[in-house]
Structure formats: C-alpha cells, structure tokens
C-alpha cells in the first residue's frame, strides 16, 4: 500500500464542482475532494500516489465538459 498522498489543485467553475464531486465519488476509496481554497479559488483533491495517474487521466477526460484545468499537483506531507 502506498504511503504518499498528493494534493491535486483544479481550476473549475463553482457551478461544475457538484457534478465533478458526483463523478469522483462514484469510485469508492479513490480520492478525497477537500474544498475550494478561498485565496486561489482552486479545488483541492487528495489522492494516494498509486491512483494519481488514474485521477489525472480522468480529470483530463472531463476537462472540456466541466471546463476544468489541473493547475498543479504536489506531494502532501500527510501519511496514510
């Protein structure tokens, strides 16, 4: 089991967050949708490193429909 978490920051219109959340939560134990950072306006998603590539592919497939963009991702200091 992986021990590294990644924070994935996504630019997405607030009106589309609910739909993205609905789609992402359909996969049990895949990731954790956290919150929209008030300062940056970016949605923060936490995922373990074993699932990072799958999440990025999924977000890429939804980018046009939900008008989203992955801004960055970086290791989180948290440990599972």
C-alpha atoms as a PDB file:
ATOM      1  CA  UNK A   1       0.000   0.000   0.000  1.00  0.00           C
ATOM      2  CA  UNK A   2       1.188   3.470  -0.852  1.00  0.00           C
ATOM      3  CA  UNK A   3       2.154   5.914   1.861  1.00  0.00           C
ATOM      4  CA  UNK A   4       2.365   9.125  -0.156  1.00  0.00           C
ATOM      5  CA  UNK A   5      -0.583  11.422  -0.749  1.00  0.00           C
ATOM      6  CA  UNK A   6      -0.758  14.028  -3.470  1.00  0.00           C
ATOM      7  CA  UNK A   7      -2.687  17.279  -3.461  1.00  0.00           C
ATOM      8  CA  UNK A   8      -4.158  17.984  -6.885  1.00  0.00           C
ATOM      9  CA  UNK A   9      -5.327  21.557  -7.486  1.00  0.00           C
ATOM     10  CA  UNK A  10      -8.021  22.086 -10.102  1.00  0.00           C
ATOM     11  CA  UNK A  11      -9.447  25.272 -11.573  1.00  0.00           C
ATOM     12  CA  UNK A  12     -13.167  24.691 -12.118  1.00  0.00           C
ATOM     13  CA  UNK A  13     -16.262  26.899 -12.184  1.00  0.00           C
ATOM     14  CA  UNK A  14     -18.161  26.671  -8.903  1.00  0.00           C
ATOM     15  CA  UNK A  15     -21.268  25.619 -10.805  1.00  0.00           C
ATOM     16  CA  UNK A  16     -19.438  22.469 -12.001  1.00  0.00           C
ATOM     17  CA  UNK A  17     -17.987  21.370  -8.634  1.00  0.00           C
ATOM     18  CA  UNK A  18     -21.100  19.411  -7.671  1.00  0.00           C
ATOM     19  CA  UNK A  19     -21.031  17.396 -10.908  1.00  0.00           C
ATOM     20  CA  UNK A  20     -17.306  16.672 -10.576  1.00  0.00           C
ATOM     21  CA  UNK A  21     -17.821  15.615  -6.964  1.00  0.00           C
ATOM     22  CA  UNK A  22     -20.647  13.296  -8.023  1.00  0.00           C
ATOM     23  CA  UNK A  23     -18.471  11.668 -10.702  1.00  0.00           C
ATOM     24  CA  UNK A  24     -15.408  11.294  -8.485  1.00  0.00           C
ATOM     25  CA  UNK A  25     -17.273   9.878  -5.511  1.00  0.00           C
ATOM     26  CA  UNK A  26     -18.683   7.089  -7.672  1.00  0.00           C
ATOM     27  CA  UNK A  27     -15.302   5.387  -7.208  1.00  0.00           C
ATOM     28  CA  UNK A  28     -15.106   4.145  -3.621  1.00  0.00           C
ATOM     29  CA  UNK A  29     -11.816   4.826  -1.788  1.00  0.00           C
ATOM     30  CA  UNK A  30     -10.325   6.511  -4.848  1.00  0.00           C
ATOM     31  CA  UNK A  31      -9.755  10.039  -3.567  1.00  0.00           C
ATOM     32  CA  UNK A  32     -10.895  12.793  -1.261  1.00  0.00           C
ATOM     33  CA  UNK A  33     -12.404  16.026  -2.586  1.00  0.00           C
ATOM     34  CA  UNK A  34     -11.491  18.628   0.022  1.00  0.00           C
ATOM     35  CA  UNK A  35     -12.517  22.218  -0.600  1.00  0.00           C
ATOM     36  CA  UNK A  36     -12.127  25.281  -2.771  1.00  0.00           C
ATOM     37  CA  UNK A  37      -9.326  27.425  -1.417  1.00  0.00           C
ATOM     38  CA  UNK A  38     -10.743  30.937  -0.892  1.00  0.00           C
ATOM     39  CA  UNK A  39      -7.447  32.630  -1.763  1.00  0.00           C
ATOM     40  CA  UNK A  40      -6.686  30.797  -5.014  1.00  0.00           C
ATOM     41  CA  UNK A  41     -10.175  29.605  -5.973  1.00  0.00           C
ATOM     42  CA  UNK A  42      -8.743  26.148  -6.719  1.00  0.00           C
ATOM     43  CA  UNK A  43     -10.427  22.890  -5.776  1.00  0.00           C
ATOM     44  CA  UNK A  44      -8.147  20.613  -3.746  1.00  0.00           C
ATOM     45  CA  UNK A  45      -8.327  16.864  -4.270  1.00  0.00           C
ATOM     46  CA  UNK A  46      -6.233  14.393  -2.269  1.00  0.00           C
ATOM     47  CA  UNK A  47      -5.207  11.088  -3.820  1.00  0.00           C
ATOM     48  CA  UNK A  48      -2.626   8.421  -2.994  1.00  0.00           C
ATOM     49  CA  UNK A  49       0.295   8.066  -5.368  1.00  0.00           C
ATOM     50  CA  UNK A  50      -0.904   4.698  -6.694  1.00  0.00           C
ATOM     51  CA  UNK A  51      -4.031   6.457  -8.005  1.00  0.00           C
ATOM     52  CA  UNK A  52      -2.530   9.783  -9.125  1.00  0.00           C
ATOM     53  CA  UNK A  53      -2.126   8.826 -12.780  1.00  0.00           C
ATOM     54  CA  UNK A  54      -5.702   7.479 -12.927  1.00  0.00           C
ATOM     55  CA  UNK A  55      -7.052  10.699 -11.421  1.00  0.00           C
ATOM     56  CA  UNK A  56      -5.117  12.864 -13.882  1.00  0.00           C
ATOM     57  CA  UNK A  57      -6.416  10.795 -16.809  1.00  0.00           C
ATOM     58  CA  UNK A  58      -9.988  11.058 -15.501  1.00  0.00           C
ATOM     59  CA  UNK A  59      -9.743  14.822 -14.996  1.00  0.00           C
ATOM     60  CA  UNK A  60      -8.246  15.200 -18.459  1.00  0.00           C
ATOM     61  CA  UNK A  61     -11.192  13.306 -19.957  1.00  0.00           C
ATOM     62  CA  UNK A  62     -13.624  15.680 -18.172  1.00  0.00           C
ATOM     63  CA  UNK A  63     -11.800  18.953 -18.883  1.00  0.00           C
ATOM     64  CA  UNK A  64     -13.923  20.113 -21.813  1.00  0.00           C
ATOM     65  CA  UNK A  65     -17.275  19.029 -20.414  1.00  0.00           C
ATOM     66  CA  UNK A  66     -16.744  20.554 -16.970  1.00  0.00           C
ATOM     67  CA  UNK A  67     -14.446  23.415 -18.040  1.00  0.00           C
ATOM     68  CA  UNK A  68     -11.719  22.355 -15.638  1.00  0.00           C
ATOM     69  CA  UNK A  69      -7.945  22.512 -15.670  1.00  0.00           C
ATOM     70  CA  UNK A  70      -5.403  20.741 -13.481  1.00  0.00           C
ATOM     71  CA  UNK A  71      -3.213  23.600 -12.296  1.00  0.00           C
ATOM     72  CA  UNK A  72      -0.693  21.599 -10.305  1.00  0.00           C
ATOM     73  CA  UNK A  73      -0.145  18.577  -8.116  1.00  0.00           C
ATOM     74  CA  UNK A  74       2.385  18.063  -5.368  1.00  0.00           C
ATOM     75  CA  UNK A  75       3.200  15.612  -2.602  1.00  0.00           C
ATOM     76  CA  UNK A  76       1.318  16.149   0.632  1.00  0.00           C
ATOM     77  CA  UNK A  77       3.131  15.790   3.940  1.00  0.00           C
ATOM     78  CA  UNK A  78       0.342  13.578   5.259  1.00  0.00           C
ATOM     79  CA  UNK A  79       0.908   9.854   5.767  1.00  0.00           C
ATOM     80  CA  UNK A  80      -1.795   7.260   5.380  1.00  0.00           C
END
